[in-house]
């Protein structure tokens, strides 16, 4: 299977600027770039598909460049609904440093910053050397601009397309970069760069886009309860990524395996059969979690995340280090325990139950668990002997409500 066929099979190519690109991709030897603006100091799981495409192309003999938008990040890519909030220069610089370190560590790509070649261009040169190549009607016809016309778009946002095109031209001239790869929402911007290279210097450049990866509801992949899942494990733990991936939609998990892993077609098709015939085994989901976490953080982190997941909701939870449990349950309600306390009183004092009557009913019916073991004794007193490492006690109410008590 050629690299182009592999990318198509994986669903990683949406639009291409020229049919000649297929042969060029299969031949190898192209220098290409993929860009990201420094909106945060880490990439998130949604970025990963783009950068894995870059690694696939690198493995096929192409030369990748990661562009971090120190200049474009100062003005912001137009959003579908409203203008982006301007970030401070200090925050942008901090984010650039974080992204650069992460990209080099994870992927080993050459990293460039478009601020380096944009900062000295004055306004008159911008208009003379670049602006004259952009017909306003041409720009208005681009979807990224057209979708904002009804609500209004500032000149700053309007200029973003020109700045991104300038990046492509600069890399074309200085690094023989003839290909840009981006998400499908960037089609208007990247084709503007292809056109600028042709109009200004008569060069031939290429581009292709990849579909945006979403869940079955059309939401962007890599979002958990409205929060991004970061590739930096200090911001998002391997356990959190494991939980997100292991709970992927059954109807989307095979697509995710194609996009986010380097498993072969034969391996993925075997997992697809398992997902269809024995979905309860969740072999495809487990493979997805394993491949992504091992790639990002290594085998040891994957095994730790798996062990935490398997133990957290079983009676083996006391075998987990307290630090791991706190990491897993950091978002659940917490309370403090200062002394030995009658269970009924503790349930009320920690707002797990609204009254002693409710507390007694919950305990009597077996709806209260201490460290995942049902507790039906109405006279039970919670002491440090019930805690894990003399630090924490986990109380479960019903089937899904967890609370974390900290000994002080």
Protein backbone atom coordinates (compact mmCIF):
# COMPACT_ATOMS: atom_id res chain seq x y z
CA UNK A 1 0.00 0.00 0.00
CA UNK A 2 1.42 3.41 -0.95
CA UNK A 3 1.49 6.29 1.54
CA UNK A 4 -1.32 8.02 -0.37
CA UNK A 5 -3.45 4.86 -0.33
CA UNK A 6 -2.75 4.41 3.37
CA UNK A 7 -3.77 7.99 4.17
CA UNK A 8 -6.95 7.61 2.13
CA UNK A 9 -7.82 4.31 3.80
CA UNK A 10 -7.34 5.88 7.20
CA UNK A 11 -9.65 8.74 6.23
CA UNK A 12 -6.89 11.31 6.56
CA UNK A 13 -7.25 13.12 3.23
CA UNK A 14 -10.25 15.34 2.52
CA UNK A 15 -9.18 17.84 -0.16
CA UNK A 16 -6.06 18.15 -2.33
CA UNK A 17 -5.00 21.08 -4.50
CA UNK A 18 -3.74 18.95 -7.40
CA UNK A 19 -4.07 15.34 -8.61
CA UNK A 20 -0.29 15.41 -9.09
CA UNK A 21 0.09 15.34 -5.32
CA UNK A 22 -0.61 11.60 -5.12
CA UNK A 23 2.48 10.72 -7.14
CA UNK A 24 4.63 13.24 -5.26
CA UNK A 25 3.55 11.86 -1.88
CA UNK A 26 4.29 8.30 -2.99
CA UNK A 27 7.69 9.30 -4.35
CA UNK A 28 8.90 10.97 -1.14
CA UNK A 29 11.36 13.80 -0.68
CA UNK A 30 8.93 16.71 -0.17
CA UNK A 31 9.45 19.27 2.57
CA UNK A 32 6.13 20.11 4.15
CA UNK A 33 4.84 22.05 7.09
CA UNK A 34 2.00 21.96 9.54
CA UNK A 35 1.19 24.91 11.76
CA UNK A 36 -0.37 25.68 15.10
CA UNK A 37 -0.92 28.94 16.93
CA UNK A 38 0.27 29.25 20.55
CA UNK A 39 -3.17 29.38 22.17
CA UNK A 40 -1.89 27.15 25.01
CA UNK A 41 1.45 25.82 26.24
CA UNK A 42 0.57 22.25 25.25
CA UNK A 43 -1.07 20.52 22.34
CA UNK A 44 -4.20 18.54 23.09
CA UNK A 45 -5.56 15.22 21.89
CA UNK A 46 -7.37 16.90 19.01
CA UNK A 47 -4.00 18.03 17.60
CA UNK A 48 -2.61 14.53 17.62
CA UNK A 49 -4.13 13.34 14.34
CA UNK A 50 -2.44 16.18 12.45
CA UNK A 51 0.95 15.50 13.93
CA UNK A 52 0.67 11.76 13.43
CA UNK A 53 0.04 12.46 9.74
CA UNK A 54 3.31 14.37 9.79
CA UNK A 55 5.07 11.38 11.31
CA UNK A 56 3.53 9.07 8.68
CA UNK A 57 4.84 11.36 5.96
CA UNK A 58 8.25 11.54 7.61
CA UNK A 59 8.41 7.73 7.75
CA UNK A 60 7.54 7.74 4.02
CA UNK A 61 10.59 9.87 3.24
CA UNK A 62 9.29 13.42 3.55
CA UNK A 63 10.74 16.24 5.65
CA UNK A 64 8.39 17.82 8.24
CA UNK A 65 8.48 21.32 9.69
CA UNK A 66 6.29 22.47 12.56
CA UNK A 67 5.40 26.14 12.40
CA UNK A 68 4.37 27.83 15.63
CA UNK A 69 2.47 31.04 14.99
CA UNK A 70 4.20 33.60 17.15
CA UNK A 71 2.97 36.24 14.68
CA UNK A 72 -0.42 34.83 13.65
CA UNK A 73 -1.10 33.95 17.28
CA UNK A 74 -0.93 37.64 18.09
CA UNK A 75 -4.01 38.36 15.96
CA UNK A 76 -5.95 35.08 16.00
CA UNK A 77 -7.49 32.87 13.35
CA UNK A 78 -11.12 33.84 12.59
CA UNK A 79 -13.57 31.68 14.50
CA UNK A 80 -16.98 30.76 13.04
CA UNK A 81 -18.90 32.95 15.48
CA UNK A 82 -16.75 35.68 17.02
CA UNK A 83 -13.30 37.22 17.24
CA UNK A 84 -10.77 35.46 19.44
CA UNK A 85 -9.71 37.09 22.67
CA UNK A 86 -6.30 38.71 22.37
CA UNK A 87 -3.62 37.05 24.50
CA UNK A 88 -0.83 38.99 26.18
CA UNK A 89 2.63 38.89 24.61
CA UNK A 90 3.97 37.25 27.77
CA UNK A 91 1.42 34.44 27.56
CA UNK A 92 2.13 33.91 23.86
CA UNK A 93 5.87 33.66 24.50
CA UNK A 94 5.28 31.20 27.34
CA UNK A 95 3.06 29.06 25.10
CA UNK A 96 5.61 29.10 22.27
CA UNK A 97 8.30 27.79 24.63
CA UNK A 98 6.04 24.98 25.87
CA UNK A 99 4.88 23.92 22.41
CA UNK A 100 8.42 23.96 21.02
CA UNK A 101 9.74 21.67 23.78
CA UNK A 102 6.77 19.33 23.43
CA UNK A 103 6.98 19.05 19.64
CA UNK A 104 10.70 18.30 19.69
CA UNK A 105 10.29 15.72 22.45
CA UNK A 106 7.31 13.89 20.94
CA UNK A 107 8.04 14.14 17.24
CA UNK A 108 11.59 15.41 16.75
CA UNK A 109 10.47 17.83 14.03
CA UNK A 110 12.21 21.04 13.05
CA UNK A 111 10.29 23.90 14.69
CA UNK A 112 10.06 27.43 13.27
CA UNK A 113 8.31 30.57 14.52
CA UNK A 114 6.65 32.85 11.96
CA UNK A 115 7.28 35.86 14.18
CA UNK A 116 10.96 35.61 13.18
CA UNK A 117 10.28 36.64 9.57
CA UNK A 118 7.14 38.71 10.13
CA UNK A 119 8.23 41.12 12.86
CA UNK A 120 10.28 43.42 10.61
CA UNK A 121 7.76 43.81 7.76
CA UNK A 122 6.34 47.33 7.89
CA UNK A 123 2.78 48.19 6.91
CA UNK A 124 3.64 49.75 3.55
CA UNK A 125 5.74 46.74 2.52
CA UNK A 126 2.94 44.44 3.66
CA UNK A 127 0.51 46.19 1.31
CA UNK A 128 2.94 46.51 -1.62
CA UNK A 129 4.60 43.10 -1.44
CA UNK A 130 1.67 40.95 -0.37
CA UNK A 131 -1.66 42.78 -0.20
CA UNK A 132 -1.73 43.54 -3.93
CA UNK A 133 -1.87 39.81 -4.71
CA UNK A 134 -5.15 39.36 -2.84
CA UNK A 135 -8.39 40.29 -4.55
CA UNK A 136 -11.00 41.16 -1.93
CA UNK A 137 -13.69 39.26 -3.83
CA UNK A 138 -11.38 36.23 -3.78
CA UNK A 139 -11.00 36.51 -0.03
CA UNK A 140 -14.73 37.00 0.57
CA UNK A 141 -15.42 33.80 -1.32
CA UNK A 142 -13.38 31.76 1.14
CA UNK A 143 -15.60 29.88 3.56
CA UNK A 144 -13.55 30.92 6.59
CA UNK A 145 -14.35 34.57 5.79
CA UNK A 146 -17.83 34.18 4.30
CA UNK A 147 -19.23 32.51 7.39
CA UNK A 148 -18.38 35.60 9.46
CA UNK A 149 -19.79 38.28 7.17
CA UNK A 150 -23.24 38.31 8.73
CA UNK A 151 -21.93 38.78 12.27
CA UNK A 152 -19.02 41.00 11.24
CA UNK A 153 -15.28 40.50 10.89
CA UNK A 154 -12.48 42.88 11.81
CA UNK A 155 -9.65 43.88 9.50
CA UNK A 156 -7.29 42.10 11.87
CA UNK A 157 -9.03 38.76 11.35
CA UNK A 158 -9.43 39.48 7.66
CA UNK A 159 -5.64 39.80 7.39
CA UNK A 160 -4.98 36.39 8.92
CA UNK A 161 -5.34 34.64 5.56
CA UNK A 162 -2.64 36.87 4.05
CA UNK A 163 -0.28 36.22 6.96
CA UNK A 164 -0.69 32.45 6.66
CA UNK A 165 -0.08 32.68 2.91
CA UNK A 166 3.08 34.69 3.64
CA UNK A 167 4.30 31.86 5.85
CA UNK A 168 3.96 29.34 3.04
CA UNK A 169 5.77 31.66 0.64
CA UNK A 170 8.61 32.24 3.12
CA UNK A 171 9.12 28.52 3.75
CA UNK A 172 8.87 27.81 0.03
CA UNK A 173 11.67 30.30 -0.68
CA UNK A 174 13.94 29.55 2.29
CA UNK A 175 13.45 25.81 2.90
CA UNK A 176 12.10 24.51 -0.41
CA UNK A 177 8.85 23.69 1.41
CA UNK A 178 6.34 22.74 -1.30
CA UNK A 179 3.50 21.24 0.75
CA UNK A 180 1.23 22.41 3.57
CA UNK A 181 -0.95 20.03 5.58
CA UNK A 182 -3.85 21.28 7.71
CA UNK A 183 -7.30 20.55 9.04
CA UNK A 184 -10.24 20.95 6.67
CA UNK A 185 -11.27 24.23 8.35
CA UNK A 186 -8.02 25.76 7.02
CA UNK A 187 -8.69 25.05 3.32
CA UNK A 188 -9.23 28.71 2.45
CA UNK A 189 -6.03 29.80 4.18
CA UNK A 190 -3.76 27.15 2.71
CA UNK A 191 -5.04 27.54 -0.86
CA UNK A 192 -4.37 31.27 -0.49
CA UNK A 193 -0.74 30.34 0.17
CA UNK A 194 -0.59 28.09 -2.89
CA UNK A 195 -2.00 30.94 -5.00
CA UNK A 196 0.39 33.54 -3.55
CA UNK A 197 3.42 31.40 -4.37
CA UNK A 198 2.22 31.03 -7.95
CA UNK A 199 1.31 34.70 -8.45
CA UNK A 200 4.34 36.28 -6.78
CA UNK A 201 7.22 34.03 -7.83
CA UNK A 202 5.70 31.58 -10.32
CA UNK A 203 6.29 28.62 -8.00
CA UNK A 204 4.26 25.44 -7.72
CA UNK A 205 3.14 24.38 -4.28
CA UNK A 206 0.66 21.84 -2.99
CA UNK A 207 -1.64 21.30 -0.04
CA UNK A 208 -4.06 18.80 1.38
CA UNK A 209 -6.45 18.86 4.29
CA UNK A 210 -7.60 16.19 6.71
CA UNK A 211 -11.14 15.89 8.05
CA UNK A 212 -11.70 17.19 11.56
CA UNK A 213 -11.98 14.27 13.98
CA UNK A 214 -15.24 14.30 15.94
CA UNK A 215 -17.36 12.08 18.15
CA UNK A 216 -20.67 10.66 16.93
CA UNK A 217 -22.42 13.90 17.90
CA UNK A 218 -20.08 16.06 15.84
CA UNK A 219 -18.14 17.44 18.81
CA UNK A 220 -14.40 17.85 18.43
CA UNK A 221 -12.37 14.83 19.51
CA UNK A 222 -10.30 15.27 22.63
CA UNK A 223 -12.78 17.24 24.71
CA UNK A 224 -13.90 15.89 28.06
CA UNK A 225 -16.71 17.75 29.83
CA UNK A 226 -15.75 20.89 27.95
CA UNK A 227 -12.04 20.64 28.77
CA UNK A 228 -9.25 19.77 26.40
CA UNK A 229 -7.28 16.59 27.05
CA UNK A 230 -3.69 17.84 26.94
CA UNK A 231 -0.70 15.89 25.66
CA UNK A 232 1.31 17.18 28.62
CA UNK A 233 0.78 14.56 31.32
CA UNK A 234 1.21 17.20 34.02
CA UNK A 235 -1.95 18.85 32.68
CA UNK A 236 -3.87 15.68 31.77
CA UNK A 237 -2.86 12.37 33.33
CA UNK A 238 -2.46 9.15 31.40
CA UNK A 239 -5.36 7.80 33.45
CA UNK A 240 -7.67 10.57 32.19
CA UNK A 241 -6.68 9.88 28.58
CA UNK A 242 -7.16 6.14 29.19
CA UNK A 243 -10.67 6.71 30.52
CA UNK A 244 -11.58 8.96 27.60
CA UNK A 245 -10.34 6.48 24.98
CA UNK A 246 -11.61 3.31 26.64
CA UNK A 247 -15.09 4.89 26.64
CA UNK A 248 -15.00 5.90 22.97
CA UNK A 249 -18.20 5.39 20.98
CA UNK A 250 -18.39 1.86 19.59
CA UNK A 251 -19.32 3.21 16.18
CA UNK A 252 -16.30 5.56 16.08
CA UNK A 253 -13.54 3.50 17.69
CA UNK A 254 -12.34 1.90 14.43
CA UNK A 255 -12.08 5.33 12.81
CA UNK A 256 -10.01 6.46 15.79
CA UNK A 257 -7.72 3.45 15.46
CA UNK A 258 -7.04 4.39 11.85
CA UNK A 259 -6.33 8.02 12.71
CA UNK A 260 -4.51 7.81 16.04
CA UNK A 261 -2.45 4.63 15.80
CA UNK A 262 0.17 3.03 13.59
CA UNK A 263 -1.50 -0.37 13.70
CA UNK A 264 -1.59 -2.05 10.29
CA UNK A 265 -4.68 -2.45 8.17
CA UNK A 266 -4.80 -6.17 8.99
CA UNK A 267 -4.57 -5.49 12.74
CA UNK A 268 -7.30 -2.87 12.62
CA UNK A 269 -9.60 -5.05 10.51
CA UNK A 270 -9.19 -7.84 13.08
CA UNK A 271 -10.17 -5.41 15.84
CA UNK A 272 -13.10 -4.25 13.72
CA UNK A 273 -14.45 -7.82 13.58
CA UNK A 274 -14.04 -8.13 17.35
CA UNK A 275 -15.81 -4.82 17.88
CA UNK A 276 -18.72 -6.06 15.77
CA UNK A 277 -18.96 -9.65 17.02
CA UNK A 278 -17.89 -9.36 20.67
CA UNK A 279 -18.28 -5.68 21.59
CA UNK A 280 -18.39 -6.49 25.31
CA UNK A 281 -14.69 -7.41 25.18
CA UNK A 282 -13.82 -3.86 24.07
CA UNK A 283 -10.63 -5.05 22.42
CA UNK A 284 -10.63 -2.15 19.95
CA UNK A 285 -11.02 0.39 22.73
CA UNK A 286 -8.23 -1.18 24.76
CA UNK A 287 -5.94 -1.19 21.73
CA UNK A 288 -6.70 2.49 21.09
CA UNK A 289 -5.87 3.46 24.68
CA UNK A 290 -2.70 1.36 24.66
CA UNK A 291 -1.33 2.70 21.38
CA UNK A 292 -2.01 6.37 22.13
CA UNK A 293 -0.69 6.39 25.70
CA UNK A 294 2.42 4.34 24.87
CA UNK A 295 3.19 6.75 22.02
CA UNK A 296 2.69 9.84 24.19
CA UNK A 297 4.04 8.75 27.57
CA UNK A 298 5.56 5.28 27.30
CA UNK A 299 4.75 1.71 28.28
CA UNK A 300 5.11 2.29 32.03
CA UNK A 301 2.54 5.10 32.02
CA UNK A 302 0.11 2.95 30.06
CA UNK A 303 0.44 0.04 32.49
CA UNK A 304 -0.06 2.42 35.40
CA UNK A 305 -3.19 3.94 33.84
CA UNK A 306 -4.58 0.49 33.09
CA UNK A 307 -3.87 -0.73 36.62
CA UNK A 308 -5.50 2.35 38.11
CA UNK A 309 -8.57 1.90 35.94
CA UNK A 310 -8.96 -1.78 36.80
CA UNK A 311 -8.50 -1.26 40.53
CA UNK A 312 -10.26 2.02 41.12
CA UNK A 313 -13.79 0.68 41.12
CA UNK A 314 -13.07 -2.76 42.57
CA UNK A 315 -12.40 -4.01 46.09
CA UNK A 316 -8.70 -3.96 45.20
CA UNK A 317 -8.69 -0.17 45.45
CA UNK A 318 -6.79 -0.29 48.75
CA UNK A 319 -3.84 -1.73 46.84
CA UNK A 320 -3.47 1.50 44.86
CA UNK A 321 -1.20 4.24 46.22
CA UNK A 322 -3.21 7.07 47.75
CA UNK A 323 -1.53 9.50 45.36
CA UNK A 324 -2.88 7.56 42.37
CA UNK A 325 -6.38 7.53 43.79
CA UNK A 326 -6.28 11.27 44.47
CA UNK A 327 -5.11 11.83 40.89
CA UNK A 328 -7.97 9.75 39.50
CA UNK A 329 -10.65 11.26 41.70
CA UNK A 330 -9.43 14.86 41.76
CA UNK A 331 -12.71 16.19 40.34
CA UNK A 332 -15.13 14.52 42.77
CA UNK A 333 -16.52 16.22 45.92
CA UNK A 334 -14.06 16.16 48.81
CA UNK A 335 -14.30 16.67 52.56
CA UNK A 336 -12.05 16.57 55.62
CA UNK A 337 -12.03 14.07 58.49
CA UNK A 338 -10.53 15.33 61.76
CA UNK A 339 -11.30 12.50 64.17
CA UNK A 340 -12.98 9.12 64.56
CA UNK A 341 -16.58 9.72 63.49
CA UNK A 342 -19.77 7.70 63.46
CA UNK A 343 -20.58 6.83 59.84
CA UNK A 344 -24.09 8.26 60.05
CA UNK A 345 -22.75 11.57 61.37
CA UNK A 346 -19.99 11.64 58.77
CA UNK A 347 -22.47 11.16 55.90
CA UNK A 348 -24.46 14.17 57.10
CA UNK A 349 -21.50 16.39 58.03
CA UNK A 350 -19.87 15.84 54.63
CA UNK A 351 -23.15 16.57 52.80
CA UNK A 352 -23.29 13.09 51.30
CA UNK A 353 -26.74 12.70 52.88
CA UNK A 354 -29.14 15.49 53.77
CA UNK A 355 -30.23 14.03 57.12
CA UNK A 356 -29.51 11.25 59.59
CA UNK A 357 -32.72 9.59 58.47
CA UNK A 358 -31.54 9.45 54.87
CA UNK A 359 -28.11 8.27 56.02
CA UNK A 360 -29.60 5.37 57.98
CA UNK A 361 -31.80 4.39 55.04
CA UNK A 362 -28.84 4.44 52.65
CA UNK A 363 -26.65 2.35 54.97
CA UNK A 364 -29.45 -0.14 55.79
CA UNK A 365 -30.21 -0.69 52.09
CA UNK A 366 -26.56 -1.36 51.21
CA UNK A 367 -26.23 1.85 49.19
CA UNK A 368 -23.12 3.08 51.01
CA UNK A 369 -19.65 1.69 50.32
CA UNK A 370 -16.37 2.44 52.09
CA UNK A 371 -13.38 1.99 49.80
CA UNK A 372 -15.67 0.04 47.43
CA UNK A 373 -16.88 -2.39 50.12
CA UNK A 374 -20.53 -2.19 51.10
CA UNK A 375 -21.11 -1.07 54.66
CA UNK A 376 -24.47 -1.98 56.22
CA UNK A 377 -23.55 -1.56 59.89
CA UNK A 378 -25.53 1.36 61.35
CA UNK A 379 -23.10 1.53 64.29
CA UNK A 380 -19.97 1.75 62.11
CA UNK A 381 -17.37 4.28 63.22
CA UNK A 382 -14.92 5.56 60.61
CA UNK A 383 -11.34 5.54 61.93
CA UNK A 384 -7.91 5.81 60.37
CA UNK A 385 -7.86 2.03 60.15
CA UNK A 386 -10.49 2.41 57.40
CA UNK A 387 -8.28 4.78 55.43
CA UNK A 388 -5.77 4.13 52.67
CA UNK A 389 -2.26 5.01 53.81
CA UNK A 390 -3.81 6.93 56.74
CA UNK A 391 -4.73 9.61 54.23
CA UNK A 392 -8.01 9.04 52.41
CA UNK A 393 -11.37 7.30 52.57
CA UNK A 394 -13.56 6.82 49.53
CA UNK A 395 -17.30 6.81 50.13
CA UNK A 396 -19.71 5.75 47.40
CA UNK A 397 -23.40 6.57 47.54
CA UNK A 398 -25.53 4.48 45.23
CA UNK A 399 -23.91 3.28 42.02
CA UNK A 400 -22.13 6.35 40.70
CA UNK A 401 -21.67 9.09 43.31
CA UNK A 402 -18.19 9.16 44.82
CA UNK A 403 -16.81 11.32 47.61
CA UNK A 404 -13.22 11.59 48.84
CA UNK A 405 -12.45 12.11 52.52
CA UNK A 406 -9.05 13.46 53.56
CA UNK A 407 -7.66 12.83 57.06
CA UNK A 408 -6.29 15.97 58.65
